[in-house]
PDB file of N, CA and C in Angstrom:
ATOM      1  N   MET A   1      81.332  74.510 -37.756  1.00  0.00           N
ATOM      2  CA  MET A   1      81.712  75.445 -39.192  1.00  0.00           C
ATOM      3  C   MET A   1      81.689  73.787 -40.451  1.00  0.00           C
ATOM      4  N   ARG A   2      83.135  73.197 -39.455  1.00  0.00           N
ATOM      5  CA  ARG A   2      82.720  72.142 -40.536  1.00  0.00           C
ATOM      6  C   ARG A   2      82.129  70.884 -41.162  1.00  0.00           C
ATOM      7  N   ASP A   3      80.944  70.831 -40.935  1.00  0.00           N
ATOM      8  CA  ASP A   3      79.344  70.207 -41.807  1.00  0.00           C
ATOM      9  C   ASP A   3      78.245  71.301 -41.574  1.00  0.00           C
ATOM     10  N   LEU A   4      79.090  72.375 -42.000  1.00  0.00           N
ATOM     11  CA  LEU A   4      77.923  73.524 -43.304  1.00  0.00           C
ATOM     12  C   LEU A   4      77.936  73.891 -43.612  1.00  0.00           C
ATOM     13  N   GLY A   5      78.195  72.986 -44.528  1.00  0.00           N
ATOM     14  CA  GLY A   5      78.817  72.901 -46.446  1.00  0.00           C
ATOM     15  C   GLY A   5      77.339  73.042 -46.822  1.00  0.00           C
ATOM     16  N   ALA A   6      76.301  72.162 -46.890  1.00  0.00           N
ATOM     17  CA  ALA A   6      74.952  72.917 -47.200  1.00  0.00           C
ATOM     18  C   ALA A   6      74.859  73.365 -47.223  1.00  0.00           C
ATOM     19  N   SER A   7      74.557  74.304 -45.737  1.00  0.00           N
ATOM     20  CA  SER A   7      74.327  75.891 -45.669  1.00  0.00           C
ATOM     21  C   SER A   7      74.895  76.968 -46.076  1.00  0.00           C
ATOM     22  N   TRP A   8      76.021  76.831 -45.545  1.00  0.00           N
ATOM     23  CA  TRP A   8      77.558  77.944 -47.019  1.00  0.00           C
ATOM     24  C   TRP A   8      76.877  77.630 -48.361  1.00  0.00           C
ATOM     25  N   SER A   9      76.330  77.080 -49.126  1.00  0.00           N
ATOM     26  CA  SER A   9      76.173  76.643 -50.732  1.00  0.00           C
ATOM     27  C   SER A   9      74.900  77.335 -50.684  1.00  0.00           C
ATOM     28  N   LEU A  10      73.482  77.269 -49.990  1.00  0.00           N
ATOM     29  CA  LEU A  10      72.526  78.268 -49.695  1.00  0.00           C
ATOM     30  C   LEU A  10      72.551  79.994 -49.671  1.00  0.00           C
ATOM     31  N   ALA A  11      73.817  80.360 -49.180  1.00  0.00           N
ATOM     32  CA  ALA A  11      74.255  81.612 -49.315  1.00  0.00           C
ATOM     33  C   ALA A  11      74.203  82.121 -49.781  1.00  0.00           C
ATOM     34  N   PRO A  12      74.899  82.342 -51.088  1.00  0.00           N
ATOM     35  CA  PRO A  12      74.888  82.821 -52.519  1.00  0.00           C
ATOM     36  C   PRO A  12      73.601  83.110 -52.917  1.00  0.00           C
ATOM     37  N   TRP A  13      72.757  82.253 -53.089  1.00  0.00           N
ATOM     38  CA  TRP A  13      71.618  82.200 -53.915  1.00  0.00           C
ATOM     39  C   TRP A  13      70.668  82.988 -53.404  1.00  0.00           C
ATOM     40  N   LEU A  14      70.335  83.035 -51.591  1.00  0.00           N
ATOM     41  CA  LEU A  14      69.964  84.518 -51.284  1.00  0.00           C
ATOM     42  C   LEU A  14      69.812  85.282 -51.196  1.00  0.00           C
ATOM     43  N   GLY A  15      72.091  85.865 -50.941  1.00  0.00           N
ATOM     44  CA  GLY A  15      72.336  87.293 -51.799  1.00  0.00           C
ATOM     45  C   GLY A  15      71.846  87.432 -53.733  1.00  0.00           C
ATOM     46  N   ALA A  16      71.797  86.789 -54.468  1.00  0.00           N
ATOM     47  CA  ALA A  16      71.826  86.957 -55.396  1.00  0.00           C
ATOM     48  C   ALA A  16      69.957  86.933 -55.526  1.00  0.00           C
ATOM     49  N   SER A  17      69.042  86.422 -54.813  1.00  0.00           N
ATOM     50  CA  SER A  17      67.691  86.819 -54.843  1.00  0.00           C
ATOM     51  C   SER A  17      67.692  87.768 -54.395  1.00  0.00           C
ATOM     52  N   TYR A  18      68.628  88.588 -52.619  1.00  0.00           N
ATOM     53  CA  TYR A  18      67.916  89.730 -52.556  1.00  0.00           C
ATOM     54  C   TYR A  18      68.609  90.316 -53.602  1.00  0.00           C
ATOM     55  N   THR A  19      69.385  90.994 -54.076  1.00  0.00           N
ATOM     56  CA  THR A  19      69.352  91.244 -55.665  1.00  0.00           C
ATOM     57  C   THR A  19      68.320  91.862 -56.172  1.00  0.00           C
ATOM     58  N   LEU A  20      67.449  90.544 -56.780  1.00  0.00           N
ATOM     59  CA  LEU A  20      66.418  90.847 -57.625  1.00  0.00           C
ATOM     60  C   LEU A  20      65.354  91.940 -56.716  1.00  0.00           C
ATOM     61  N   ALA A  21      65.733  91.671 -55.692  1.00  0.00           N
ATOM     62  CA  ALA A  21      64.133  92.370 -54.918  1.00  0.00           C
ATOM     63  C   ALA A  21      64.760  93.780 -54.364  1.00  0.00           C
ATOM     64  N   MET A  22      65.864  94.034 -54.170  1.00  0.00           N
ATOM     65  CA  MET A  22      66.129  94.859 -53.379  1.00  0.00           C
ATOM     66  C   MET A  22      67.810  96.401 -54.315  1.00  0.00           C
ATOM     67  N   GLY A  23      68.003  95.173 -54.501  1.00  0.00           N
ATOM     68  CA  GLY A  23      69.488  95.998 -55.359  1.00  0.00           C
ATOM     69  C   GLY A  23      71.075  95.268 -55.044  1.00  0.00           C
ATOM     70  N   SER A  24      71.708  95.990 -55.204  1.00  0.00           N
ATOM     71  CA  SER A  24      73.184  95.460 -55.678  1.00  0.00           C
ATOM     72  C   SER A  24      73.782  95.018 -54.178  1.00  0.00           C
ATOM     73  N   LEU A  25      73.210  95.505 -52.940  1.00  0.00           N
ATOM     74  CA  LEU A  25      73.322  95.289 -51.633  1.00  0.00           C
ATOM     75  C   LEU A  25      73.549  93.712 -51.673  1.00  0.00           C
ATOM     76  N   GLY A  26      72.487  93.046 -51.866  1.00  0.00           N
ATOM     77  CA  GLY A  26      73.079  91.565 -52.637  1.00  0.00           C
ATOM     78  C   GLY A  26      73.774  90.964 -53.132  1.00  0.00           C
ATOM     79  N   THR A  27      74.199  91.612 -54.136  1.00  0.00           N
ATOM     80  CA  THR A  27      75.194  91.361 -55.074  1.00  0.00           C
ATOM     81  C   THR A  27      76.391  91.179 -53.995  1.00  0.00           C
ATOM     82  N   VAL A  28      76.627  91.891 -53.060  1.00  0.00           N
ATOM     83  CA  VAL A  28      77.758  92.293 -52.737  1.00  0.00           C
ATOM     84  C   VAL A  28      77.401  91.286 -51.153  1.00  0.00           C
ATOM     85  N   ALA A  29      76.489  90.811 -51.235  1.00  0.00           N
ATOM     86  CA  ALA A  29      76.899  89.741 -49.866  1.00  0.00           C
ATOM     87  C   ALA A  29      76.293  88.354 -50.755  1.00  0.00           C
ATOM     88  N   GLY A  30      75.957  88.116 -51.393  1.00  0.00           N
ATOM     89  CA  GLY A  30      76.025  86.998 -52.319  1.00  0.00           C
ATOM     90  C   GLY A  30      77.536  86.647 -52.793  1.00  0.00           C
ATOM     91  N   ALA A  31      78.498  87.637 -52.893  1.00  0.00           N
ATOM     92  CA  ALA A  31      79.746  87.285 -53.525  1.00  0.00           C
ATOM     93  C   ALA A  31      80.637  87.214 -51.815  1.00  0.00           C
ATOM     94  N   VAL A  32      80.341  87.433 -50.841  1.00  0.00           N
ATOM     95  CA  VAL A  32      81.353  88.246 -49.492  1.00  0.00           C
ATOM     96  C   VAL A  32      81.062  85.836 -49.338  1.00  0.00           C
ATOM     97  N   ALA A  33      79.252  85.674 -49.629  1.00  0.00           N
ATOM     98  CA  ALA A  33      79.380  84.535 -49.028  1.00  0.00           C
ATOM     99  C   ALA A  33      79.375  82.834 -50.177  1.00  0.00           C
ATOM    100  N   LEU A  34      79.663  83.273 -51.350  1.00  0.00           N
ATOM    101  CA  LEU A  34      80.155  82.703 -52.101  1.00  0.00           C
ATOM    102  C   LEU A  34      81.837  82.341 -51.739  1.00  0.00           C
ATOM    103  N   ALA A  35      82.822  82.862 -51.222  1.00  0.00           N
ATOM    104  CA  ALA A  35      83.861  82.965 -50.906  1.00  0.00           C
ATOM    105  C   ALA A  35      84.104  82.516 -49.257  1.00  0.00           C
ATOM    106  N   ALA A  36      82.744  83.039 -48.436  1.00  0.00           N
ATOM    107  CA  ALA A  36      82.908  81.998 -47.984  1.00  0.00           C
ATOM    108  C   ALA A  36      82.525  80.258 -47.678  1.00  0.00           C
ATOM    109  N   PHE A  37      81.661  80.263 -48.713  1.00  0.00           N
ATOM    110  CA  PHE A  37      81.874  78.818 -48.620  1.00  0.00           C
ATOM    111  C   PHE A  37      82.741  78.026 -49.176  1.00  0.00           C
ATOM    112  N   ARG A  38      83.410  78.503 -50.583  1.00  0.00           N
ATOM    113  CA  ARG A  38      84.557  78.415 -51.277  1.00  0.00           C
ATOM    114  C   ARG A  38      85.951  78.121 -50.122  1.00  0.00           C
ATOM    115  N   TRP A  39      85.960  78.841 -49.201  1.00  0.00           N
ATOM    116  CA  TRP A  39      86.813  78.745 -48.830  1.00  0.00           C
ATOM    117  C   TRP A  39      86.843  77.864 -47.648  1.00  0.00           C
ATOM    118  N   GLN A  40      85.409  78.067 -46.728  1.00  0.00           N
ATOM    119  CA  GLN A  40      84.877  76.291 -45.874  1.00  0.00           C
ATOM    120  C   GLN A  40      85.413  74.841 -46.891  1.00  0.00           C
ATOM    121  N   GLN A  41      84.429  74.777 -47.737  1.00  0.00           N
ATOM    122  CA  GLN A  41      84.990  73.601 -49.008  1.00  0.00           C
ATOM    123  C   GLN A  41      86.434  73.683 -49.220  1.00  0.00           C
ATOM    124  N   ALA A  42      87.232  74.206 -49.105  1.00  0.00           N
ATOM    125  CA  ALA A  42      89.031  74.594 -49.680  1.00  0.00           C
ATOM    126  C   ALA A  42      89.117  73.202 -48.669  1.00  0.00           C
ATOM    127  N   ARG A  43      88.548  73.682 -47.195  1.00  0.00           N
ATOM    128  CA  ARG A  43      89.057  73.196 -45.984  1.00  0.00           C
ATOM    129  C   ARG A  43      88.743  72.071 -45.137  1.00  0.00           C
ATOM    130  N   ALA A  44      87.725  71.527 -45.901  1.00  0.00           N
ATOM    131  CA  ALA A  44      86.782  70.741 -45.275  1.00  0.00           C
ATOM    132  C   ALA A  44      86.764  69.027 -45.732  1.00  0.00           C
ATOM    133  N   ASN A  45      87.268  68.647 -44.732  1.00  0.00           N
ATOM    134  CA  ASN A  45      87.708  66.447 -44.463  1.00  0.00           C
ATOM    135  C   ASN A  45      86.900  66.865 -45.698  1.00  0.00           C
ATOM    136  N   ARG A  46      85.645  66.764 -45.846  1.00  0.00           N
ATOM    137  CA  ARG A  46      84.683  65.782 -46.809  1.00  0.00           C
ATOM    138  C   ARG A  46      83.884  66.192 -47.537  1.00  0.00           C
ATOM    139  N   PRO A  47      83.952  67.972 -48.439  1.00  0.00           N
ATOM    140  CA  PRO A  47      83.848  68.560 -49.549  1.00  0.00           C
ATOM    141  C   PRO A  47      82.457  67.860 -50.064  1.00  0.00           C
ATOM    142  N   LEU A  48      81.399  68.638 -50.653  1.00  0.00           N
ATOM    143  CA  LEU A  48      80.370  68.548 -50.925  1.00  0.00           C
ATOM    144  C   LEU A  48      80.556  67.804 -52.124  1.00  0.00           C
ATOM    145  N   LEU A  49      81.751  68.677 -53.204  1.00  0.00           N
ATOM    146  CA  LEU A  49      81.692  68.141 -54.424  1.00  0.00           C
ATOM    147  C   LEU A  49      83.371  67.689 -54.378  1.00  0.00           C
ATOM    148  N   GLU A  50      84.198  66.589 -54.599  1.00  0.00           N
ATOM    149  CA  GLU A  50      85.422  66.452 -54.798  1.00  0.00           C
ATOM    150  C   GLU A  50      85.688  67.765 -56.003  1.00  0.00           C
ATOM    151  N   ARG A  51      87.081  68.016 -55.489  1.00  0.00           N
ATOM    152  CA  ARG A  51      87.928  68.925 -57.027  1.00  0.00           C
ATOM    153  C   ARG A  51      87.725  67.860 -58.552  1.00  0.00           C
ATOM    154  N   SER A  52      88.363  66.785 -58.117  1.00  0.00           N
ATOM    155  CA  SER A  52      88.439  66.279 -59.269  1.00  0.00           C
ATOM    156  C   SER A  52      87.140  65.755 -59.999  1.00  0.00           C
ATOM    157  N   ARG A  53      86.420  66.108 -59.863  1.00  0.00           N
ATOM    158  CA  ARG A  53      85.078  65.848 -60.936  1.00  0.00           C
ATOM    159  C   ARG A  53      84.899  67.324 -61.840  1.00  0.00           C
ATOM    160  N   PHE A  54      85.397  68.976 -61.563  1.00  0.00           N
ATOM    161  CA  PHE A  54      85.431  69.691 -62.152  1.00  0.00           C
ATOM    162  C   PHE A  54      86.179  69.169 -63.363  1.00  0.00           C
ATOM    163  N   GLY A  55      87.551  68.028 -63.296  1.00  0.00           N
ATOM    164  CA  GLY A  55      88.757  67.801 -64.259  1.00  0.00           C
ATOM    165  C   GLY A  55      87.474  66.772 -65.781  1.00  0.00           C
ATOM    166  N   ASN A  56      86.606  66.482 -65.510  1.00  0.00           N
ATOM    167  CA  ASN A  56      85.534  65.678 -65.900  1.00  0.00           C
ATOM    168  C   ASN A  56      84.391  66.787 -67.221  1.00  0.00           C
ATOM    169  N   ARG A  57      85.693  66.873 -68.392  1.00  0.00           N
ATOM    170  CA  ARG A  57      84.351  67.541 -69.167  1.00  0.00           C
ATOM    171  C   ARG A  57      82.783  67.379 -69.398  1.00  0.00           C
ATOM    172  N   GLY A  58      82.683  66.501 -69.011  1.00  0.00           N
ATOM    173  CA  GLY A  58      80.815  65.724 -69.000  1.00  0.00           C
ATOM    174  C   GLY A  58      80.337  66.307 -68.065  1.00  0.00           C
ATOM    175  N   PHE A  59      81.073  66.085 -66.505  1.00  0.00           N
ATOM    176  CA  PHE A  59      80.507  66.892 -65.512  1.00  0.00           C
ATOM    177  C   PHE A  59      80.082  68.604 -65.919  1.00  0.00           C
ATOM    178  N   VAL A  60      81.194  69.002 -66.247  1.00  0.00           N
ATOM    179  CA  VAL A  60      81.443  70.467 -66.365  1.00  0.00           C
ATOM    180  C   VAL A  60      80.497  71.414 -67.517  1.00  0.00           C
ATOM    181  N   ALA A  61      80.150  69.912 -68.420  1.00  0.00           N
ATOM    182  CA  ALA A  61      78.582  70.862 -69.610  1.00  0.00           C
ATOM    183  C   ALA A  61      78.245  70.174 -68.988  1.00  0.00           C
ATOM    184  N   GLY A  62      77.740  69.601 -67.804  1.00  0.00           N
ATOM    185  CA  GLY A  62      76.189  69.745 -67.207  1.00  0.00           C
ATOM    186  C   GLY A  62      75.379  70.469 -66.504  1.00  0.00           C
ATOM    187  N   LEU A  63      76.830  70.670 -66.145  1.00  0.00           N
ATOM    188  CA  LEU A  63      76.886  71.717 -65.021  1.00  0.00           C
ATOM    189  C   LEU A  63      76.495  73.511 -65.344  1.00  0.00           C
ATOM    190  N   VAL A  64      77.016  73.608 -66.472  1.00  0.00           N
ATOM    191  CA  VAL A  64      76.940  74.635 -67.023  1.00  0.00           C
ATOM    192  C   VAL A  64      75.607  74.292 -67.863  1.00  0.00           C
ATOM    193  N   PHE A  65      75.141  73.518 -68.145  1.00  0.00           N
ATOM    194  CA  PHE A  65      73.438  72.933 -69.439  1.00  0.00           C
ATOM    195  C   PHE A  65      72.490  73.393 -68.101  1.00  0.00           C
ATOM    196  N   GLY A  66      72.612  72.536 -67.298  1.00  0.00           N
ATOM    197  CA  GLY A  66      71.741  73.003 -66.142  1.00  0.00           C
ATOM    198  C   GLY A  66      71.004  73.987 -66.119  1.00  0.00           C
ATOM    199  N   ALA A  67      72.854  74.811 -65.361  1.00  0.00           N
ATOM    200  CA  ALA A  67      72.390  76.790 -64.751  1.00  0.00           C
ATOM    201  C   ALA A  67      71.665  77.240 -65.653  1.00  0.00           C
ATOM    202  N   LEU A  68      72.381  76.972 -67.057  1.00  0.00           N
ATOM    203  CA  LEU A  68      71.588  77.874 -68.255  1.00  0.00           C
ATOM    204  C   LEU A  68      70.453  77.527 -68.286  1.00  0.00           C
ATOM    205  N   PHE A  69      69.650  76.105 -68.339  1.00  0.00           N
ATOM    206  CA  PHE A  69      68.127  76.328 -68.921  1.00  0.00           C
ATOM    207  C   PHE A  69      67.328  76.305 -67.428  1.00  0.00           C
ATOM    208  N   PHE A  70      67.685  76.847 -66.583  1.00  0.00           N
ATOM    209  CA  PHE A  70      66.974  76.752 -65.093  1.00  0.00           C
ATOM    210  C   PHE A  70      66.802  78.231 -65.066  1.00  0.00           C
ATOM    211  N   GLY A  71      68.249  78.743 -65.603  1.00  0.00           N
ATOM    212  CA  GLY A  71      68.446  80.233 -65.581  1.00  0.00           C
ATOM    213  C   GLY A  71      66.658  80.820 -67.106  1.00  0.00           C
ATOM    214  N   THR A  72      67.018  80.545 -67.994  1.00  0.00           N
ATOM    215  CA  THR A  72      66.246  80.537 -68.720  1.00  0.00           C
ATOM    216  C   THR A  72      64.571  80.039 -68.467  1.00  0.00           C
ATOM    217  N   VAL A  73      64.795  79.149 -68.293  1.00  0.00           N
ATOM    218  CA  VAL A  73      63.205  78.475 -68.093  1.00  0.00           C
ATOM    219  C   VAL A  73      62.057  79.546 -66.883  1.00  0.00           C
ATOM    220  N   THR A  74      63.484  80.257 -65.410  1.00  0.00           N
ATOM    221  CA  THR A  74      62.995  81.203 -64.633  1.00  0.00           C
ATOM    222  C   THR A  74      62.468  82.376 -64.542  1.00  0.00           C
ATOM    223  N   GLY A  75      63.603  82.568 -65.864  1.00  0.00           N
ATOM    224  CA  GLY A  75      63.928  84.068 -66.765  1.00  0.00           C
ATOM    225  C   GLY A  75      62.310  84.351 -67.109  1.00  0.00           C
ATOM    226  N   VAL A  76      61.993  82.918 -67.926  1.00  0.00           N
ATOM    227  CA  VAL A  76      60.508  83.191 -69.055  1.00  0.00           C
ATOM    228  C   VAL A  76      59.336  83.354 -67.887  1.00  0.00           C
ATOM    229  N   MET A  77      59.663  82.572 -66.580  1.00  0.00           N
ATOM    230  CA  MET A  77      58.203  82.269 -65.520  1.00  0.00           C
ATOM    231  C   MET A  77      58.086  83.858 -65.031  1.00  0.00           C
ATOM    232  N   TYR A  78      59.487  84.538 -64.894  1.00  0.00           N
ATOM    233  CA  TYR A  78      59.547  85.858 -64.250  1.00  0.00           C
ATOM    234  C   TYR A  78      58.751  87.161 -65.564  1.00  0.00           C
ATOM    235  N   VAL A  79      58.473  86.839 -66.910  1.00  0.00           N
ATOM    236  CA  VAL A  79      58.448  87.282 -67.289  1.00  0.00           C
ATOM    237  C   VAL A  79      56.697  87.299 -67.903  1.00  0.00           C
ATOM    238  N   THR A  80      56.764  85.701 -68.308  1.00  0.00           N
ATOM    239  CA  THR A  80      55.487  85.123 -68.528  1.00  0.00           C
ATOM    240  C   THR A  80      53.914  85.369 -67.716  1.00  0.00           C
ATOM    241  N   ALA A  81      54.258  85.060 -66.533  1.00  0.00           N
ATOM    242  CA  ALA A  81      53.379  85.237 -65.339  1.00  0.00           C
ATOM    243  C   ALA A  81      52.537  85.880 -65.002  1.00  0.00           C
ATOM    244  N   PRO A  82      53.480  87.799 -65.184  1.00  0.00           N
ATOM    245  CA  PRO A  82      52.702  89.070 -65.029  1.00  0.00           C
ATOM    246  C   PRO A  82      52.108  89.547 -66.395  1.00  0.00           C
ATOM    247  N   THR A  83      52.538  88.991 -67.324  1.00  0.00           N
ATOM    248  CA  THR A  83      52.349  89.320 -69.172  1.00  0.00           C
ATOM    249  C   THR A  83      51.102  88.478 -68.793  1.00  0.00           C
ATOM    250  N   CYS A  84      50.874  87.178 -69.270  1.00  0.00           N
ATOM    251  CA  CYS A  84      49.567  86.694 -68.788  1.00  0.00           C
ATOM    252  C   CYS A  84      48.705  87.249 -67.802  1.00  0.00           C
ATOM    253  N   SER A  85      49.117  87.834 -66.521  1.00  0.00           N
ATOM    254  CA  SER A  85      47.767  88.436 -65.766  1.00  0.00           C
ATOM    255  C   SER A  85      47.029  90.221 -65.705  1.00  0.00           C
ATOM    256  N   SER A  86      47.979  90.582 -66.754  1.00  0.00           N
ATOM    257  CA  SER A  86      47.441  91.789 -66.879  1.00  0.00           C
ATOM    258  C   SER A  86      46.672  91.935 -68.126  1.00  0.00           C
ATOM    259  N   VAL A  87      46.967  90.760 -69.019  1.00  0.00           N
ATOM    260  CA  VAL A  87      46.225  90.609 -70.842  1.00  0.00           C
ATOM    261  C   VAL A  87      44.918  90.203 -70.356  1.00  0.00           C
ATOM    262  N   TRP A  88      45.183  88.671 -68.947  1.00  0.00           N
ATOM    263  CA  TRP A  88      43.818  88.353 -69.052  1.00  0.00           C
ATOM    264  C   TRP A  88      43.208  88.278 -67.512  1.00  0.00           C
ATOM    265  N   ALA A  89      43.383  89.719 -67.423  1.00  0.00           N
ATOM    266  CA  ALA A  89      42.835  90.024 -65.738  1.00  0.00           C
ATOM    267  C   ALA A  89      41.518  90.855 -66.259  1.00  0.00           C
TER     268      ALA A  89
END
């Protein structure tokens, strides 16, 4: 259980993906998995990210920018691909 940090970090994203496909059950599963990940990381001897890094504004700004950029590009692709396939088909 102590060396499963990367596996625990993947679980919330799987819940979010399931939400897109199947509905609100994935949201609950993702929230539970995120809580389990945070609990496991708080007790880990070697966490994936040290908490001291979140005190650095540049690090936090980079995380926020990266998440927004990834979300925007992914959202555009979800809209563009079906639109192009229906227009050019």
